[in-house]
Amino acid sequence: MDFDVGYHPELFLTVAGGRNLGPLMQKFEWKSFTNGGYIIRAKFSDSVWKELRNIATKFYLDKGRRQPTEVIFQCKWPGVSSDNADTGKHKAFMTELEATGLPYSGFLEFIAVDPPSYYLNQGASSGKAYRGKVSDVIKKVVQEYAPGVTVEVSDTTDYDENVWYMNRMDPKTFIGSLIDWSSSLTKKKTNWIVSSSGAISNGQPTIHIKEQADKQSVNYGALSFNVKTPAGNSVYNFEMLADNFISLFNKQVITQGISVVSEKYWDRIVDKDRKVVHVYDEQTSEKKNVNIDSKRGFKKPDQSTGAPEIPHDWSTSILAVPEVYSSADVGKRYDEYIDGRCRNSYLNMLNLVMRCKFRTTGIGRPSLANSHNLGVSKIKVLWRDSDNNPYMLDGDWLVYGFHHIMTVGHWTTDVFGARLDMDASAQKV
């Protein structure tokens, strides 16, 4: 249903518990991608600088550098009875405030980010040591530096008496340094996905740091794009980018290193069975993909024979984490996790194979406003050409991001979808 016909979107937004600024909105944007949290940017008209004065004098100047400035926001289609009509209320913390205009009036604009991102970017320059598995340490860091944030982390299989030093890093950088190389310590050896939510309905803000195979998929429904009936389409326009050149970089990814315990050296030549330092499609069969055929996606590079122009043994090298990375043993042989960094890199690159941005009528579906669903959920595009046949972009897409854009009387949502190779070894969502 095209809600733009006969309906007008509405923004609810408060700053530091003040009055609703929604009626003064000029533009509002809300964006989220996998591993990126979410961010909002809001612009309001401010006659005689009343709102700037209220925000600045009642809260911002007194407390803005001492505690988070809370923003509550909600996008909805008033009067519409549909599961696409209301995103629910969400929380963010202000990071910047700007005012522009003339002496008698102007505009008030600010940026705000999700609570977990806000908290984890500030640290204590700590040199302390954390004891436990990688997953345990991540939980402890979030609980220490992000008060009031609920954390969920996929369990890792390393030694639960290990010791990890923070090395003066801020919490976000420290957590990033752990998940950068540890994807081979997860149970199904898929890449880490970090997401956050500030949905008021959930009570406390949440952050999920989970391997892809451990996340639940959501079906976002369908979008329509029919050439013969443009007036009834839910998609306004699209942008597609297919990158076949990435095959030169991620057909297979390798690493190399030496164990100081066993003195065993691993590289692409020693690893003849291609099970230790080689990462390629068949080695990552627990990743997620949509179900498409040869008319809708690339066929994956041939790993067995290759083409004369691109021999099958060509690869890209990613530096491995050293075996002696912490003060104790990881609890596994080096060859069991040496490929963690290149595995994470390989899997994160796969979303670049084929991407598409679909601009549609504003989607108020709460599940699409939840960043936790990104990277593993799907949306179907019903796309017919002039002969009423399915177009190549028809079918399912793996959603990895959204961008809500609201202006006066208008609301659109950009849905960002990706497709892995159509015959990739993967779990279909």
Protein backbone atom coordinates (compact mmCIF):
# COMPACT_ATOMS: atom_id res chain seq x y z
CA MET A 1 0.00 0.00 0.00
CA ASP A 2 1.30 3.45 -0.92
CA PHE A 3 0.70 5.45 2.24
CA ASP A 4 1.79 8.68 0.52
CA VAL A 5 -1.64 8.82 -1.15
CA GLY A 6 -4.06 10.34 1.36
CA TYR A 7 -1.79 9.91 4.37
CA HIS A 8 0.95 12.07 5.88
CA PRO A 9 3.82 10.70 7.98
CA GLU A 10 4.45 11.94 11.46
CA LEU A 11 7.64 12.28 13.49
CA PHE A 12 7.66 12.20 17.26
CA LEU A 13 10.92 13.45 18.78
CA THR A 14 11.92 14.82 22.15
CA VAL A 15 15.26 16.06 23.47
CA ALA A 16 16.10 15.61 27.16
CA GLY A 17 12.47 14.94 27.99
CA GLY A 18 11.24 18.21 26.44
CA ARG A 19 8.23 18.80 24.25
CA ASN A 20 7.63 17.01 20.95
CA LEU A 21 9.60 18.75 18.16
CA GLY A 22 8.00 16.63 15.43
CA PRO A 23 5.69 19.37 14.08
CA LEU A 24 8.76 21.60 13.50
CA MET A 25 10.62 18.93 11.50
CA GLN A 26 12.24 19.95 8.20
CA LYS A 27 14.16 16.73 7.62
CA PHE A 28 14.83 13.58 9.60
CA GLU A 29 17.17 10.72 8.70
CA TRP A 30 17.71 7.40 10.46
CA LYS A 31 20.38 5.06 9.13
CA SER A 32 21.72 1.66 10.17
CA PHE A 33 24.02 -0.94 8.61
CA THR A 34 25.53 -4.21 9.80
CA ASN A 35 28.43 -3.59 12.18
CA GLY A 36 27.58 0.10 12.28
CA GLY A 37 25.00 0.68 15.01
CA TYR A 38 22.58 3.42 14.00
CA ILE A 39 22.62 7.18 13.66
CA ILE A 40 19.96 9.88 13.29
CA ARG A 41 20.18 13.40 11.88
CA ALA A 42 17.31 15.80 12.54
CA LYS A 43 16.64 19.35 11.37
CA PHE A 44 13.88 21.60 12.75
CA SER A 45 12.69 25.13 12.14
CA ASP A 46 13.30 27.36 15.14
CA SER A 47 11.38 30.63 15.13
CA VAL A 48 12.98 33.35 17.31
CA TRP A 49 15.35 30.63 18.60
CA LYS A 50 12.85 29.41 21.16
CA GLU A 51 13.74 25.72 20.89
CA LEU A 52 17.50 26.32 20.96
CA ARG A 53 17.04 28.44 24.07
CA ASN A 54 14.89 25.81 25.77
CA ILE A 55 17.28 22.94 25.03
CA ALA A 56 20.44 24.88 25.81
CA THR A 57 19.35 26.54 29.03
CA LYS A 58 17.30 23.69 30.50
CA PHE A 59 19.75 20.87 29.81
CA TYR A 60 22.42 21.07 27.12
CA LEU A 61 24.88 23.61 28.51
CA ASP A 62 24.56 22.42 32.08
CA LYS A 63 24.68 18.64 31.48
CA GLY A 64 25.62 18.05 27.83
CA ARG A 65 29.29 17.38 28.65
CA ARG A 66 28.53 15.58 31.89
CA GLN A 67 25.87 13.04 30.90
CA PRO A 68 24.15 11.78 27.73
CA THR A 69 21.54 14.03 26.14
CA GLU A 70 18.68 11.63 25.48
CA VAL A 71 16.68 11.76 22.26
CA ILE A 72 13.46 9.73 21.88
CA PHE A 73 12.12 9.36 18.34
CA GLN A 74 9.41 7.53 16.41
CA CYS A 75 8.28 7.44 12.76
CA LYS A 76 4.68 6.51 11.94
CA TRP A 77 1.77 6.76 9.52
CA PRO A 78 -1.15 8.11 11.63
CA GLY A 79 -4.51 6.52 10.91
CA VAL A 80 -3.04 3.52 9.09
CA SER A 81 -3.86 0.04 10.36
CA SER A 82 -0.87 -2.00 9.22
CA ASP A 83 2.28 -3.64 10.58
CA ASN A 84 4.19 -1.16 8.38
CA ALA A 85 2.72 1.91 10.07
CA ASP A 86 4.82 2.48 13.20
CA THR A 87 8.52 1.94 13.97
CA GLY A 88 7.96 2.19 17.70
CA LYS A 89 9.91 4.57 19.93
CA HIS A 90 13.71 4.40 20.01
CA LYS A 91 16.44 6.06 22.02
CA ALA A 92 19.64 7.80 20.92
CA PHE A 93 22.20 10.08 22.56
CA MET A 94 23.06 13.46 21.03
CA THR A 95 26.63 14.00 19.86
CA GLU A 96 26.42 17.32 17.98
CA LEU A 97 24.12 20.34 17.98
CA GLU A 98 24.12 23.07 15.34
CA ALA A 99 22.09 26.22 14.78
CA THR A 100 22.00 28.28 11.57
CA GLY A 101 19.91 31.17 10.25
CA LEU A 102 19.09 34.83 10.78
CA PRO A 103 18.74 36.89 14.01
CA TYR A 104 14.98 36.31 14.23
CA SER A 105 14.74 32.65 13.11
CA GLY A 106 16.61 29.72 11.66
CA PHE A 107 17.16 26.01 11.97
CA LEU A 108 18.22 23.67 14.72
CA GLU A 109 20.05 20.51 13.64
CA PHE A 110 21.65 17.69 15.59
CA ILE A 111 23.15 14.20 15.28
CA ALA A 112 22.56 11.36 17.73
CA VAL A 113 23.81 7.76 17.91
CA ASP A 114 22.66 4.54 19.55
CA PRO A 115 23.45 4.22 23.29
CA PRO A 116 25.92 1.28 23.04
CA SER A 117 28.04 3.13 20.46
CA TYR A 118 27.96 6.27 22.61
CA TYR A 119 29.16 4.49 25.74
CA LEU A 120 31.76 2.20 24.17
CA ASN A 121 33.63 5.02 22.47
CA GLN A 122 34.75 6.37 25.85
CA GLY A 123 37.21 4.48 28.03
CA ALA A 124 39.56 4.71 30.98
CA SER A 125 42.92 4.10 29.22
CA SER A 126 42.99 0.92 31.23
CA GLY A 127 45.81 -1.59 31.28
CA LYS A 128 43.80 -4.14 33.24
CA ALA A 129 43.55 -7.82 32.34
CA TYR A 130 40.30 -9.72 31.77
CA ARG A 131 40.09 -13.45 32.46
CA GLY A 132 37.93 -15.81 30.42
CA LYS A 133 37.05 -16.86 26.89
CA VAL A 134 36.85 -14.21 24.18
CA SER A 135 33.05 -14.17 24.48
CA ASP A 136 33.26 -13.76 28.28
CA VAL A 137 35.70 -10.87 27.99
CA ILE A 138 33.48 -9.05 25.49
CA LYS A 139 30.55 -9.31 27.90
CA LYS A 140 32.63 -8.02 30.81
CA VAL A 141 33.85 -5.00 28.84
CA VAL A 142 30.34 -4.01 27.72
CA GLN A 143 28.95 -4.44 31.24
CA GLU A 144 31.74 -2.29 32.68
CA TYR A 145 31.69 0.57 30.19
CA ALA A 146 28.07 0.63 28.93
CA PRO A 147 25.82 0.99 32.01
CA GLY A 148 22.23 -0.04 31.43
CA VAL A 149 23.01 -1.86 28.17
CA THR A 150 22.06 -5.53 27.82
CA VAL A 151 24.66 -7.57 25.93
CA GLU A 152 24.34 -10.87 24.06
CA VAL A 153 27.46 -12.58 22.69
CA SER A 154 27.90 -15.83 20.77
CA ASP A 155 29.82 -18.34 22.84
CA THR A 156 33.40 -19.03 21.77
CA THR A 157 35.27 -22.32 22.15
CA ASP A 158 38.60 -21.11 23.54
CA TYR A 159 40.12 -21.55 27.01
CA ASP A 160 37.97 -20.09 29.80
CA GLU A 161 40.98 -19.22 31.98
CA ASN A 162 42.73 -17.14 29.35
CA VAL A 163 43.89 -13.60 30.16
CA TRP A 164 43.44 -10.61 27.84
CA TYR A 165 45.03 -7.20 28.40
CA MET A 166 43.16 -4.05 27.39
CA ASN A 167 46.44 -2.28 26.52
CA ARG A 168 45.03 1.24 27.09
CA MET A 169 42.51 0.84 24.27
CA ASP A 170 39.01 2.31 24.45
CA PRO A 171 36.28 -0.36 24.82
CA LYS A 172 35.16 -0.24 21.19
CA THR A 173 38.71 -0.67 19.87
CA PHE A 174 39.46 -3.44 22.37
CA ILE A 175 36.33 -5.41 21.42
CA GLY A 176 37.17 -4.85 17.76
CA SER A 177 40.66 -6.23 18.29
CA LEU A 178 39.16 -9.45 19.69
CA ILE A 179 36.50 -10.08 17.05
CA ASP A 180 38.91 -9.15 14.24
CA TRP A 181 40.70 -12.51 14.41
CA SER A 182 38.43 -14.83 16.46
CA SER A 183 35.77 -15.93 13.97
CA SER A 184 37.37 -19.40 13.94
CA LEU A 185 36.68 -19.67 17.66
CA THR A 186 32.91 -19.43 17.14
CA LYS A 187 30.96 -22.67 16.99
CA LYS A 188 30.11 -22.48 13.28
CA LYS A 189 33.05 -20.34 12.19
CA THR A 190 31.08 -17.53 10.55
CA ASN A 191 31.89 -13.82 10.73
CA TRP A 192 30.99 -11.63 13.68
CA ILE A 193 28.09 -9.18 13.32
CA VAL A 194 27.76 -6.32 15.81
CA SER A 195 24.36 -4.63 16.14
CA SER A 196 22.55 -2.45 18.66
CA SER A 197 19.01 -1.42 19.50
CA GLY A 198 17.52 1.35 21.57
CA ALA A 199 13.89 0.31 21.18
CA ILE A 200 11.93 1.60 24.19
CA SER A 201 9.67 -1.48 24.07
CA ASN A 202 12.66 -3.66 24.96
CA GLY A 203 13.34 -1.75 28.16
CA GLN A 204 17.11 -1.40 28.19
CA PRO A 205 19.22 -0.71 25.07
CA THR A 206 20.86 -3.87 23.73
CA ILE A 207 23.99 -4.79 21.85
CA HIS A 208 24.45 -8.12 20.08
CA ILE A 209 27.92 -9.36 19.17
CA LYS A 210 27.15 -12.64 17.46
CA GLU A 211 28.45 -14.84 14.70
CA GLN A 212 26.25 -14.69 11.61
CA ALA A 213 25.09 -18.30 11.91
CA ASP A 214 23.81 -17.57 15.42
CA LYS A 215 21.44 -14.77 14.40
CA GLN A 216 17.75 -15.25 13.64
CA SER A 217 16.44 -14.30 10.19
CA VAL A 218 13.32 -12.21 9.62
CA ASN A 219 11.18 -12.07 6.47
CA TYR A 220 10.52 -8.39 5.74
CA GLY A 221 7.83 -9.14 3.18
CA ALA A 222 7.73 -7.96 -0.44
CA LEU A 223 8.33 -4.87 -2.57
CA SER A 224 6.84 -4.43 -6.05
CA PHE A 225 8.43 -2.94 -9.17
CA ASN A 226 6.30 -3.66 -12.24
CA VAL A 227 7.15 -1.89 -15.50
CA LYS A 228 3.57 -2.05 -16.81
CA THR A 229 1.90 -0.67 -13.66
CA PRO A 230 4.27 1.97 -12.27
CA ALA A 231 1.49 3.73 -10.33
CA GLY A 232 0.99 0.68 -8.13
CA ASN A 233 4.66 0.08 -7.35
CA SER A 234 6.03 0.35 -3.84
CA VAL A 235 9.58 0.94 -5.17
CA TYR A 236 10.29 4.44 -6.54
CA ASN A 237 13.77 3.79 -7.91
CA PHE A 238 16.80 1.61 -7.40
CA GLU A 239 20.60 1.57 -7.65
CA MET A 240 22.42 -1.67 -8.39
CA LEU A 241 26.15 -2.38 -8.19
CA ALA A 242 27.64 -5.73 -9.23
CA ASP A 243 31.35 -6.20 -8.61
CA ASN A 244 32.85 -9.10 -10.55
CA PHE A 245 36.35 -7.63 -10.01
CA ILE A 246 36.16 -8.67 -6.35
CA SER A 247 36.79 -12.22 -7.57
CA LEU A 248 40.47 -11.27 -7.89
CA PHE A 249 40.59 -10.51 -4.16
CA ASN A 250 38.21 -12.93 -2.48
CA LYS A 251 38.10 -16.03 -4.67
CA GLN A 252 40.12 -17.45 -1.82
CA VAL A 253 41.92 -15.76 1.04
CA ILE A 254 44.95 -17.23 2.78
CA THR A 255 47.17 -16.55 5.75
CA GLN A 256 50.43 -17.91 7.14
CA GLY A 257 52.30 -18.20 10.43
CA ILE A 258 54.43 -20.31 12.73
CA SER A 259 53.51 -21.94 16.02
CA VAL A 260 56.01 -21.20 18.80
CA VAL A 261 54.66 -24.19 20.71
CA SER A 262 54.90 -26.91 18.06
CA GLU A 263 57.27 -25.03 15.71
CA LYS A 264 54.91 -26.01 12.91
CA TYR A 265 54.91 -23.55 10.01
CA TRP A 266 51.77 -23.04 7.94
CA ASP A 267 51.42 -21.39 4.53
CA ARG A 268 49.59 -22.05 1.24
CA ILE A 269 52.19 -24.64 0.13
CA VAL A 270 52.38 -26.61 3.38
CA ASP A 271 48.57 -26.65 3.65
CA LYS A 272 48.07 -29.03 0.72
CA ASP A 273 44.62 -30.13 1.88
CA ARG A 274 43.46 -26.48 2.03
CA LYS A 275 41.88 -26.83 5.45
CA VAL A 276 44.09 -24.68 7.67
CA VAL A 277 45.17 -21.39 6.06
CA HIS A 278 42.91 -21.38 2.98
CA VAL A 279 39.47 -19.73 3.22
CA TYR A 280 37.07 -20.07 0.28
CA ASP A 281 33.43 -20.79 -0.41
CA GLU A 282 33.25 -24.46 0.58
CA GLN A 283 35.18 -23.69 3.78
CA THR A 284 32.42 -21.30 4.93
CA SER A 285 29.26 -23.33 4.34
CA GLU A 286 27.46 -22.04 7.48
CA LYS A 287 27.15 -18.49 6.11
CA LYS A 288 23.70 -17.23 5.06
CA ASN A 289 22.40 -16.44 1.58
CA VAL A 290 19.09 -16.04 -0.21
CA ASN A 291 17.69 -18.66 -2.56
CA ILE A 292 18.25 -17.48 -6.14
CA ASP A 293 18.97 -19.09 -9.50
CA SER A 294 21.46 -18.46 -12.32
CA LYS A 295 19.26 -15.68 -13.79
CA ARG A 296 19.47 -13.63 -10.60
CA GLY A 297 23.05 -13.94 -9.36
CA PHE A 298 26.66 -14.71 -10.23
CA LYS A 299 27.94 -18.23 -10.50
CA LYS A 300 30.83 -18.61 -8.06
CA PRO A 301 34.46 -18.85 -9.24
CA ASP A 302 35.65 -22.36 -10.04
CA GLN A 303 37.95 -23.58 -7.27
CA SER A 304 38.96 -26.81 -8.98
CA THR A 305 40.32 -25.86 -12.40
CA GLY A 306 39.97 -22.12 -12.79
CA ALA A 307 40.29 -20.17 -16.01
CA PRO A 308 43.54 -19.43 -17.86
CA GLU A 309 43.19 -15.76 -16.92
CA ILE A 310 42.61 -16.49 -13.20
CA PRO A 311 44.38 -19.70 -12.08
CA HIS A 312 42.58 -21.61 -9.34
CA ASP A 313 45.43 -21.18 -6.86
CA TRP A 314 45.46 -17.38 -6.98
CA SER A 315 44.64 -15.81 -3.63
CA THR A 316 44.89 -12.78 -1.35
CA SER A 317 46.99 -12.93 1.81
CA ILE A 318 45.74 -11.57 5.15
CA LEU A 319 48.16 -11.31 8.08
CA ALA A 320 47.34 -13.79 10.87
CA VAL A 321 47.24 -12.94 14.55
CA PRO A 322 50.38 -14.26 16.30
CA GLU A 323 49.97 -17.41 18.37
CA VAL A 324 51.25 -15.70 21.52
CA TYR A 325 48.56 -13.04 21.61
CA SER A 326 47.60 -13.09 25.29
CA SER A 327 49.28 -13.96 28.56
CA ALA A 328 48.01 -17.54 28.45
CA ASP A 329 47.20 -20.14 25.86
CA VAL A 330 44.09 -19.74 23.69
CA GLY A 331 43.32 -23.35 24.51
CA LYS A 332 43.51 -24.55 20.92
CA ARG A 333 46.29 -25.48 18.54
CA TYR A 334 47.41 -22.61 16.33
CA ASP A 335 46.16 -24.38 13.20
CA GLU A 336 42.63 -24.39 14.67
CA TYR A 337 42.32 -20.60 14.72
CA ILE A 338 45.13 -19.20 12.54
CA ASP A 339 42.64 -18.51 9.73
CA GLY A 340 40.30 -16.42 11.91
CA ARG A 341 41.25 -12.99 10.59
CA CYS A 342 41.22 -13.94 6.90
CA ARG A 343 37.95 -15.89 7.45
CA ASN A 344 36.31 -12.78 8.91
CA SER A 345 37.66 -10.65 6.06
CA TYR A 346 36.50 -13.10 3.38
CA LEU A 347 32.96 -13.36 4.72
CA ASN A 348 32.60 -9.60 5.20
CA MET A 349 33.61 -9.01 1.57
CA LEU A 350 30.87 -11.24 0.15
CA ASN A 351 28.21 -8.55 0.49
CA LEU A 352 30.14 -6.59 -2.15
CA VAL A 353 29.49 -9.15 -4.90
CA MET A 354 26.02 -7.79 -5.79
CA ARG A 355 24.26 -4.95 -4.00
CA CYS A 356 21.08 -3.01 -4.62
CA LYS A 357 19.38 -0.05 -2.96
CA PHE A 358 15.59 0.04 -3.25
CA ARG A 359 13.83 3.32 -2.42
CA THR A 360 10.29 2.66 -1.27
CA THR A 361 7.44 4.28 0.64
CA GLY A 362 8.40 4.72 4.29
CA ILE A 363 8.39 1.37 6.08
CA GLY A 364 7.29 1.57 9.69
CA ARG A 365 7.72 -2.13 10.33
CA PRO A 366 9.36 -2.49 13.79
CA SER A 367 11.46 -5.43 12.59
CA LEU A 368 13.13 -3.24 9.94
CA ALA A 369 13.80 -0.57 12.56
CA ASN A 370 15.67 -3.18 14.61
CA SER A 371 19.35 -3.28 13.65
CA HIS A 372 19.72 -6.76 15.17
CA ASN A 373 17.94 -8.25 12.13
CA LEU A 374 20.36 -6.85 9.56
CA GLY A 375 22.80 -9.11 7.73
CA VAL A 376 20.69 -12.26 8.03
CA SER A 377 17.13 -11.25 7.04
CA LYS A 378 15.54 -11.06 3.61
CA ILE A 379 13.12 -9.05 1.54
CA LYS A 380 11.46 -10.17 -1.68
CA VAL A 381 11.27 -7.90 -4.73
CA LEU A 382 8.45 -8.68 -7.17
CA TRP A 383 9.91 -7.27 -10.37
CA ARG A 384 8.34 -7.78 -13.78
CA ASP A 385 9.60 -6.46 -17.11
CA SER A 386 7.55 -5.19 -20.07
CA ASP A 387 6.72 -8.77 -21.07
CA ASN A 388 5.57 -9.55 -17.52
CA ASN A 389 8.55 -11.85 -17.00
CA PRO A 390 10.73 -11.83 -13.85
CA TYR A 391 13.62 -9.39 -14.17
CA MET A 392 17.16 -10.31 -13.04
CA LEU A 393 16.74 -8.28 -9.84
CA ASP A 394 13.48 -10.06 -8.99
CA GLY A 395 13.46 -12.37 -5.97
CA ASP A 396 15.01 -12.39 -2.51
CA TRP A 397 17.71 -10.09 -1.17
CA LEU A 398 19.72 -10.29 2.05
CA VAL A 399 19.06 -6.99 3.84
CA TYR A 400 22.17 -5.40 5.36
CA GLY A 401 21.00 -1.83 5.95
CA PHE A 402 18.17 0.71 5.98
CA HIS A 403 17.88 4.48 5.69
CA HIS A 404 14.65 6.26 6.66
CA ILE A 405 14.31 9.76 5.16
CA MET A 406 11.43 11.97 6.26
CA THR A 407 10.63 15.49 5.05
CA VAL A 408 7.48 17.57 5.43
CA GLY A 409 4.61 15.36 4.25
CA HIS A 410 6.85 12.65 2.81
CA TRP A 411 8.65 9.53 4.04
CA THR A 412 10.81 7.10 2.10
CA THR A 413 12.92 4.14 3.17
CA ASP A 414 16.04 2.94 1.37
CA VAL A 415 16.43 -0.81 1.78
CA PHE A 416 19.96 -2.10 1.08
CA GLY A 417 20.12 -5.68 -0.18
CA ALA A 418 22.93 -8.04 -1.14
CA ARG A 419 23.26 -11.37 -2.91
CA LEU A 420 26.08 -13.86 -2.63
CA ASP A 421 26.83 -16.15 -5.58
CA MET A 422 23.72 -18.08 -6.53
CA ASP A 423 25.48 -21.46 -6.01
CA ALA A 424 27.45 -20.44 -2.91
CA SER A 425 27.76 -23.02 -0.14
CA ALA A 426 25.44 -21.44 2.40
CA GLN A 427 22.37 -21.80 4.57
CA LYS A 428 19.35 -20.33 2.76
CA VAL A 429 17.14 -17.85 4.62
